[in-house]
Amino acid sequence: MPPALQSDWKSLPLPAKRVELSIKHTFTQSEMDFIRNGVIPRQMEDKWFIYFADDALHFHRSWTGFCIYIARFAHPAAST
């Protein structure tokens, strides 16, 4: 199955009022491959639309399209 794209579902921008958190975690290549696929809702119970773009994972509520989270990823060499 091809990876999820922003154009696959309704997606509104992240609100201006937000909080930033810094989390350091390392993922394996296979984990990153899985993450980059994202999630396209298939039924009403699927509450999230998730896609990967510009080194960030975007989480949107499937019914409203509201952006709730954006997780930014840094390459190991860039995180020093």
PDB file of N, CA and C in Angstrom:
ATOM      1  N   MET A   1       0.846  -1.179   0.000  1.00  0.00           N
ATOM      2  CA  MET A   1       0.000   0.000   0.000  1.00  0.00           C
ATOM      3  C   MET A   1       0.893   1.245   0.000  1.00  0.00           C
ATOM      4  N   PRO A   2       0.579   2.240  -0.851  1.00  0.00           N
ATOM      5  CA  PRO A   2       1.403   3.452  -0.890  1.00  0.00           C
ATOM      6  C   PRO A   2       1.245   4.263   0.395  1.00  0.00           C
ATOM      7  N   PRO A   3       2.251   5.092   0.713  1.00  0.00           N
ATOM      8  CA  PRO A   3       2.156   5.902   1.930  1.00  0.00           C
ATOM      9  C   PRO A   3       1.039   6.943   1.842  1.00  0.00           C
ATOM     10  N   ALA A   4       0.519   7.318   2.996  1.00  0.00           N
ATOM     11  CA  ALA A   4      -0.514   8.353   3.070  1.00  0.00           C
ATOM     12  C   ALA A   4       0.077   9.695   2.658  1.00  0.00           C
ATOM     13  N   LEU A   5      -0.706  10.476   1.934  1.00  0.00           N
ATOM     14  CA  LEU A   5      -0.318  11.825   1.521  1.00  0.00           C
ATOM     15  C   LEU A   5      -1.306  12.827   2.089  1.00  0.00           C
ATOM     16  N   GLN A   6      -0.890  14.063   2.264  1.00  0.00           N
ATOM     17  CA  GLN A   6      -1.774  15.089   2.798  1.00  0.00           C
ATOM     18  C   GLN A   6      -3.047  15.206   1.965  1.00  0.00           C
ATOM     19  N   SER A   7      -2.940  15.027   0.684  1.00  0.00           N
ATOM     20  CA  SER A   7      -4.093  15.166  -0.209  1.00  0.00           C
ATOM     21  C   SER A   7      -5.082  14.005  -0.120  1.00  0.00           C
ATOM     22  N   ASP A   8      -4.757  12.958   0.652  1.00  0.00           N
ATOM     23  CA  ASP A   8      -5.636  11.801   0.775  1.00  0.00           C
ATOM     24  C   ASP A   8      -6.847  12.037   1.685  1.00  0.00           C
ATOM     25  N   TRP A   9      -6.832  13.114   2.475  1.00  0.00           N
ATOM     26  CA  TRP A   9      -7.896  13.310   3.460  1.00  0.00           C
ATOM     27  C   TRP A   9      -7.988  14.790   3.793  1.00  0.00           C
ATOM     28  N   LYS A  10      -9.074  15.199   4.392  1.00  0.00           N
ATOM     29  CA  LYS A  10      -9.212  16.579   4.858  1.00  0.00           C
ATOM     30  C   LYS A  10      -8.156  16.846   5.924  1.00  0.00           C
ATOM     31  N   SER A  11      -7.392  17.927   5.757  1.00  0.00           N
ATOM     32  CA  SER A  11      -6.361  18.246   6.744  1.00  0.00           C
ATOM     33  C   SER A  11      -6.246  19.752   6.916  1.00  0.00           C
ATOM     34  N   LEU A  12      -6.588  20.208   8.097  1.00  0.00           N
ATOM     35  CA  LEU A  12      -6.502  21.621   8.452  1.00  0.00           C
ATOM     36  C   LEU A  12      -5.174  21.869   9.166  1.00  0.00           C
ATOM     37  N   PRO A  13      -4.666  23.125   9.148  1.00  0.00           N
ATOM     38  CA  PRO A  13      -3.372  23.402   9.772  1.00  0.00           C
ATOM     39  C   PRO A  13      -3.412  23.321  11.302  1.00  0.00           C
ATOM     40  N   LEU A  14      -2.229  23.183  11.878  1.00  0.00           N
ATOM     41  CA  LEU A  14      -2.073  23.189  13.334  1.00  0.00           C
ATOM     42  C   LEU A  14      -2.449  24.573  13.853  1.00  0.00           C
ATOM     43  N   PRO A  15      -3.216  24.667  14.930  1.00  0.00           N
ATOM     44  CA  PRO A  15      -3.600  25.978  15.466  1.00  0.00           C
ATOM     45  C   PRO A  15      -2.373  26.788  15.906  1.00  0.00           C
ATOM     46  N   ALA A  16      -2.512  28.103  15.902  1.00  0.00           N
ATOM     47  CA  ALA A  16      -1.414  28.980  16.319  1.00  0.00           C
ATOM     48  C   ALA A  16      -1.087  28.793  17.799  1.00  0.00           C
ATOM     49  N   LYS A  17      -2.118  28.556  18.623  1.00  0.00           N
ATOM     50  CA  LYS A  17      -1.904  28.348  20.053  1.00  0.00           C
ATOM     51  C   LYS A  17      -1.523  26.887  20.272  1.00  0.00           C
ATOM     52  N   ARG A  18      -0.285  26.658  20.714  1.00  0.00           N
ATOM     53  CA  ARG A  18       0.199  25.290  20.900  1.00  0.00           C
ATOM     54  C   ARG A  18       1.374  25.268  21.852  1.00  0.00           C
ATOM     55  N   VAL A  19       1.749  24.079  22.252  1.00  0.00           N
ATOM     56  CA  VAL A  19       2.880  23.857  23.148  1.00  0.00           C
ATOM     57  C   VAL A  19       3.872  22.959  22.425  1.00  0.00           C
ATOM     58  N   GLU A  20       5.151  23.282  22.557  1.00  0.00           N
ATOM     59  CA  GLU A  20       6.183  22.438  21.962  1.00  0.00           C
ATOM     60  C   GLU A  20       6.853  21.608  23.045  1.00  0.00           C
ATOM     61  N   LEU A  21       7.059  20.341  22.745  1.00  0.00           N
ATOM     62  CA  LEU A  21       7.755  19.425  23.639  1.00  0.00           C
ATOM     63  C   LEU A  21       8.975  18.883  22.907  1.00  0.00           C
ATOM     64  N   SER A  22      10.030  18.638  23.652  1.00  0.00           N
ATOM     65  CA  SER A  22      11.229  18.058  23.054  1.00  0.00           C
ATOM     66  C   SER A  22      11.409  16.646  23.588  1.00  0.00           C
ATOM     67  N   ILE A  23      11.448  15.693  22.682  1.00  0.00           N
ATOM     68  CA  ILE A  23      11.602  14.284  23.054  1.00  0.00           C
ATOM     69  C   ILE A  23      12.714  13.707  22.203  1.00  0.00           C
ATOM     70  N   LYS A  24      13.638  13.009  22.838  1.00  0.00           N
ATOM     71  CA  LYS A  24      14.710  12.366  22.094  1.00  0.00           C
ATOM     72  C   LYS A  24      14.470  10.864  22.082  1.00  0.00           C
ATOM     73  N   HIS A  25      14.365  10.321  20.880  1.00  0.00           N
ATOM     74  CA  HIS A  25      14.163   8.883  20.721  1.00  0.00           C
ATOM     75  C   HIS A  25      14.771   8.478  19.389  1.00  0.00           C
ATOM     76  N   THR A  26      15.369   7.322  19.346  1.00  0.00           N
ATOM     77  CA  THR A  26      15.961   6.814  18.122  1.00  0.00           C
ATOM     78  C   THR A  26      15.110   5.669  17.585  1.00  0.00           C
ATOM     79  N   PHE A  27      14.841   5.713  16.282  1.00  0.00           N
ATOM     80  CA  PHE A  27      14.066   4.668  15.622  1.00  0.00           C
ATOM     81  C   PHE A  27      14.976   3.898  14.668  1.00  0.00           C
ATOM     82  N   THR A  28      14.708   2.624  14.511  1.00  0.00           N
ATOM     83  CA  THR A  28      15.440   1.821  13.525  1.00  0.00           C
ATOM     84  C   THR A  28      14.938   2.197  12.133  1.00  0.00           C
ATOM     85  N   GLN A  29      15.660   1.765  11.125  1.00  0.00           N
ATOM     86  CA  GLN A  29      15.241   2.035   9.747  1.00  0.00           C
ATOM     87  C   GLN A  29      13.883   1.400   9.456  1.00  0.00           C
ATOM     88  N   SER A  30      13.655   0.186   9.923  1.00  0.00           N
ATOM     89  CA  SER A  30      12.363  -0.464   9.668  1.00  0.00           C
ATOM     90  C   SER A  30      11.229   0.254  10.409  1.00  0.00           C
ATOM     91  N   GLU A  31      11.486   0.775  11.592  1.00  0.00           N
ATOM     92  CA  GLU A  31      10.468   1.549  12.307  1.00  0.00           C
ATOM     93  C   GLU A  31      10.148   2.835  11.545  1.00  0.00           C
ATOM     94  N   MET A  32      11.177   3.498  11.024  1.00  0.00           N
ATOM     95  CA  MET A  32      10.949   4.723  10.262  1.00  0.00           C
ATOM     96  C   MET A  32      10.193   4.434   8.962  1.00  0.00           C
ATOM     97  N   ASP A  33      10.477   3.311   8.338  1.00  0.00           N
ATOM     98  CA  ASP A  33       9.731   2.930   7.133  1.00  0.00           C
ATOM     99  C   ASP A  33       8.252   2.772   7.454  1.00  0.00           C
ATOM    100  N   PHE A  34       7.942   2.156   8.587  1.00  0.00           N
ATOM    101  CA  PHE A  34       6.559   1.975   9.032  1.00  0.00           C
ATOM    102  C   PHE A  34       5.913   3.329   9.341  1.00  0.00           C
ATOM    103  N   ILE A  35       6.628   4.194  10.057  1.00  0.00           N
ATOM    104  CA  ILE A  35       6.128   5.519  10.430  1.00  0.00           C
ATOM    105  C   ILE A  35       5.816   6.343   9.185  1.00  0.00           C
ATOM    106  N   ARG A  36       6.700   6.299   8.193  1.00  0.00           N
ATOM    107  CA  ARG A  36       6.530   7.092   6.973  1.00  0.00           C
ATOM    108  C   ARG A  36       5.283   6.681   6.172  1.00  0.00           C
ATOM    109  N   ASN A  37       4.773   5.493   6.393  1.00  0.00           N
ATOM    110  CA  ASN A  37       3.564   5.058   5.683  1.00  0.00           C
ATOM    111  C   ASN A  37       2.324   5.812   6.133  1.00  0.00           C
ATOM    112  N   GLY A  38       2.275   6.252   7.389  1.00  0.00           N
ATOM    113  CA  GLY A  38       1.121   6.970   7.888  1.00  0.00           C
ATOM    114  C   GLY A  38      -0.097   6.066   8.023  1.00  0.00           C
ATOM    115  N   VAL A  39      -1.260   6.689   8.176  1.00  0.00           N
ATOM    116  CA  VAL A  39      -2.519   5.955   8.362  1.00  0.00           C
ATOM    117  C   VAL A  39      -3.638   6.700   7.634  1.00  0.00           C
ATOM    118  N   ILE A  40      -4.357   5.994   6.811  1.00  0.00           N
ATOM    119  CA  ILE A  40      -5.557   6.540   6.180  1.00  0.00           C
ATOM    120  C   ILE A  40      -6.747   5.809   6.789  1.00  0.00           C
ATOM    121  N   PRO A  41      -7.715   6.546   7.359  1.00  0.00           N
ATOM    122  CA  PRO A  41      -8.868   5.886   7.974  1.00  0.00           C
ATOM    123  C   PRO A  41      -9.614   5.019   6.967  1.00  0.00           C
ATOM    124  N   ARG A  42     -10.043   3.846   7.416  1.00  0.00           N
ATOM    125  CA  ARG A  42     -10.774   2.918   6.547  1.00  0.00           C
ATOM    126  C   ARG A  42     -12.228   2.740   6.983  1.00  0.00           C
ATOM    127  N   GLN A  43     -12.528   3.083   8.250  1.00  0.00           N
ATOM    128  CA  GLN A  43     -13.892   2.942   8.754  1.00  0.00           C
ATOM    129  C   GLN A  43     -14.151   4.024   9.798  1.00  0.00           C
ATOM    130  N   MET A  44     -15.377   4.189  10.199  1.00  0.00           N
ATOM    131  CA  MET A  44     -15.760   5.259  11.123  1.00  0.00           C
ATOM    132  C   MET A  44     -15.006   5.215  12.449  1.00  0.00           C
ATOM    133  N   GLU A  45     -14.629   4.027  12.886  1.00  0.00           N
ATOM    134  CA  GLU A  45     -13.934   3.892  14.170  1.00  0.00           C
ATOM    135  C   GLU A  45     -12.475   4.350  14.096  1.00  0.00           C
ATOM    136  N   ASP A  46     -11.937   4.511  12.894  1.00  0.00           N
ATOM    137  CA  ASP A  46     -10.560   4.984  12.738  1.00  0.00           C
ATOM    138  C   ASP A  46     -10.552   6.485  12.970  1.00  0.00           C
ATOM    139  N   LYS A  47      -9.975   6.895  14.064  1.00  0.00           N
ATOM    140  CA  LYS A  47     -10.080   8.291  14.490  1.00  0.00           C
ATOM    141  C   LYS A  47      -8.972   9.194  13.974  1.00  0.00           C
ATOM    142  N   TRP A  48      -7.934   8.635  13.351  1.00  0.00           N
ATOM    143  CA  TRP A  48      -6.783   9.429  12.951  1.00  0.00           C
ATOM    144  C   TRP A  48      -6.462   9.311  11.465  1.00  0.00           C
ATOM    145  N   PHE A  49      -6.065  10.428  10.884  1.00  0.00           N
ATOM    146  CA  PHE A  49      -5.430  10.468   9.570  1.00  0.00           C
ATOM    147  C   PHE A  49      -4.013  10.958   9.834  1.00  0.00           C
ATOM    148  N   ILE A  50      -3.030  10.175   9.434  1.00  0.00           N
ATOM    149  CA  ILE A  50      -1.632  10.479   9.740  1.00  0.00           C
ATOM    150  C   ILE A  50      -0.818  10.378   8.455  1.00  0.00           C
ATOM    151  N   TYR A  51      -0.029  11.402   8.193  1.00  0.00           N
ATOM    152  CA  TYR A  51       0.852  11.357   7.028  1.00  0.00           C
ATOM    153  C   TYR A  51       2.216  11.946   7.378  1.00  0.00           C
ATOM    154  N   PHE A  52       3.240  11.546   6.626  1.00  0.00           N
ATOM    155  CA  PHE A  52       4.607  11.992   6.842  1.00  0.00           C
ATOM    156  C   PHE A  52       5.010  12.913   5.704  1.00  0.00           C
ATOM    157  N   ALA A  53       5.457  14.130   6.028  1.00  0.00           N
ATOM    158  CA  ALA A  53       5.911  15.096   5.019  1.00  0.00           C
ATOM    159  C   ALA A  53       6.932  16.026   5.644  1.00  0.00           C
ATOM    160  N   ASP A  54       7.957  16.371   4.890  1.00  0.00           N
ATOM    161  CA  ASP A  54       8.981  17.325   5.341  1.00  0.00           C
ATOM    162  C   ASP A  54       9.584  16.929   6.685  1.00  0.00           C
ATOM    163  N   ASP A  55       9.963  15.663   6.823  1.00  0.00           N
ATOM    164  CA  ASP A  55      10.565  15.121   8.054  1.00  0.00           C
ATOM    165  C   ASP A  55       9.674  15.304   9.281  1.00  0.00           C
ATOM    166  N   ALA A  56       8.358  15.283   9.085  1.00  0.00           N
ATOM    167  CA  ALA A  56       7.420  15.425  10.201  1.00  0.00           C
ATOM    168  C   ALA A  56       6.218  14.511   9.993  1.00  0.00           C
ATOM    169  N   LEU A  57       5.726  13.979  11.101  1.00  0.00           N
ATOM    170  CA  LEU A  57       4.534  13.144  11.094  1.00  0.00           C
ATOM    171  C   LEU A  57       3.365  14.013  11.569  1.00  0.00           C
ATOM    172  N   HIS A  58       2.354  14.152  10.717  1.00  0.00           N
ATOM    173  CA  HIS A  58       1.209  15.021  10.986  1.00  0.00           C
ATOM    174  C   HIS A  58       0.019  14.160  11.403  1.00  0.00           C
ATOM    175  N   PHE A  59      -0.567  14.482  12.549  1.00  0.00           N
ATOM    176  CA  PHE A  59      -1.706  13.740  13.103  1.00  0.00           C
ATOM    177  C   PHE A  59      -2.958  14.610  13.026  1.00  0.00           C
ATOM    178  N   HIS A  60      -3.961  14.148  12.295  1.00  0.00           N
ATOM    179  CA  HIS A  60      -5.221  14.873  12.147  1.00  0.00           C
ATOM    180  C   HIS A  60      -6.372  13.989  12.615  1.00  0.00           C
ATOM    181  N   ARG A  61      -7.351  14.609  13.261  1.00  0.00           N
ATOM    182  CA  ARG A  61      -8.566  13.875  13.605  1.00  0.00           C
ATOM    183  C   ARG A  61      -9.303  13.587  12.302  1.00  0.00           C
ATOM    184  N   SER A  62      -9.713  12.352  12.119  1.00  0.00           N
ATOM    185  CA  SER A  62     -10.279  11.949  10.836  1.00  0.00           C
ATOM    186  C   SER A  62     -11.622  12.625  10.528  1.00  0.00           C
ATOM    187  N   TRP A  63     -12.455  12.840  11.512  1.00  0.00           N
ATOM    188  CA  TRP A  63     -13.785  13.405  11.250  1.00  0.00           C
ATOM    189  C   TRP A  63     -13.730  14.895  10.957  1.00  0.00           C
ATOM    190  N   THR A  64     -12.867  15.620  11.661  1.00  0.00           N
ATOM    191  CA  THR A  64     -12.838  17.083  11.528  1.00  0.00           C
ATOM    192  C   THR A  64     -11.708  17.581  10.643  1.00  0.00           C
ATOM    193  N   GLY A  65     -10.637  16.811  10.519  1.00  0.00           N
ATOM    194  CA  GLY A  65      -9.465  17.254   9.786  1.00  0.00           C
ATOM    195  C   GLY A  65      -8.539  18.130  10.614  1.00  0.00           C
ATOM    196  N   PHE A  66      -8.914  18.409  11.889  1.00  0.00           N
ATOM    197  CA  PHE A  66      -8.078  19.265  12.742  1.00  0.00           C
ATOM    198  C   PHE A  66      -6.717  18.622  12.989  1.00  0.00           C
ATOM    199  N   CYS A  67      -5.658  19.409  12.834  1.00  0.00           N
ATOM    200  CA  CYS A  67      -4.315  18.941  13.157  1.00  0.00           C
ATOM    201  C   CYS A  67      -4.153  19.013  14.679  1.00  0.00           C
ATOM    202  N   ILE A  68      -3.787  17.897  15.291  1.00  0.00           N
ATOM    203  CA  ILE A  68      -3.651  17.830  16.740  1.00  0.00           C
ATOM    204  C   ILE A  68      -2.180  17.788  17.152  1.00  0.00           C
ATOM    205  N   TYR A  69      -1.376  17.051  16.408  1.00  0.00           N
ATOM    206  CA  TYR A  69       0.051  16.903  16.713  1.00  0.00           C
ATOM    207  C   TYR A  69       0.865  16.971  15.431  1.00  0.00           C
ATOM    208  N   ILE A  70       2.095  17.440  15.568  1.00  0.00           N
ATOM    209  CA  ILE A  70       3.111  17.277  14.531  1.00  0.00           C
ATOM    210  C   ILE A  70       4.380  16.829  15.243  1.00  0.00           C
ATOM    211  N   ALA A  71       4.894  15.683  14.846  1.00  0.00           N
ATOM    212  CA  ALA A  71       6.144  15.153  15.419  1.00  0.00           C
ATOM    213  C   ALA A  71       7.238  15.337  14.376  1.00  0.00           C
ATOM    214  N   ARG A  72       8.237  16.137  14.701  1.00  0.00           N
ATOM    215  CA  ARG A  72       9.337  16.399  13.773  1.00  0.00           C
ATOM    216  C   ARG A  72      10.481  15.430  14.051  1.00  0.00           C
ATOM    217  N   PHE A  73      11.091  14.954  12.973  1.00  0.00           N
ATOM    218  CA  PHE A  73      12.170  13.979  13.068  1.00  0.00           C
ATOM    219  C   PHE A  73      13.459  14.612  12.556  1.00  0.00           C
ATOM    220  N   ALA A  74      14.553  14.352  13.260  1.00  0.00           N
ATOM    221  CA  ALA A  74      15.877  14.831  12.847  1.00  0.00           C
ATOM    222  C   ALA A  74      16.748  13.640  12.513  1.00  0.00           C
ATOM    223  N   HIS A  75      17.562  13.786  11.505  1.00  0.00           N
ATOM    224  CA  HIS A  75      18.511  12.728  11.161  1.00  0.00           C
ATOM    225  C   HIS A  75      19.583  12.693  12.236  1.00  0.00           C
ATOM    226  N   PRO A  76      20.139  11.530  12.558  1.00  0.00           N
ATOM    227  CA  PRO A  76      21.131  11.412  13.642  1.00  0.00           C
ATOM    228  C   PRO A  76      22.267  12.425  13.547  1.00  0.00           C
ATOM    229  N   ALA A  77      22.791  12.689  12.370  1.00  0.00           N
ATOM    230  CA  ALA A  77      23.892  13.628  12.233  1.00  0.00           C
ATOM    231  C   ALA A  77      23.450  15.059  12.547  1.00  0.00           C
ATOM    232  N   ALA A  78      22.171  15.389  12.323  1.00  0.00           N
ATOM    233  CA  ALA A  78      21.661  16.729  12.550  1.00  0.00           C
ATOM    234  C   ALA A  78      21.236  16.969  13.986  1.00  0.00           C
ATOM    235  N   SER A  79      21.199  15.940  14.811  1.00  0.00           N
ATOM    236  CA  SER A  79      20.678  16.102  16.175  1.00  0.00           C
ATOM    237  C   SER A  79      21.740  16.364  17.217  1.00  0.00           C
ATOM    238  N   THR A  80      22.962  16.619  16.821  1.00  0.00           N
ATOM    239  CA  THR A  80      24.035  16.890  17.797  1.00  0.00           C
ATOM    240  C   THR A  80      24.059  18.324  18.212  1.00  0.00           C
TER     241      THR A  80
END
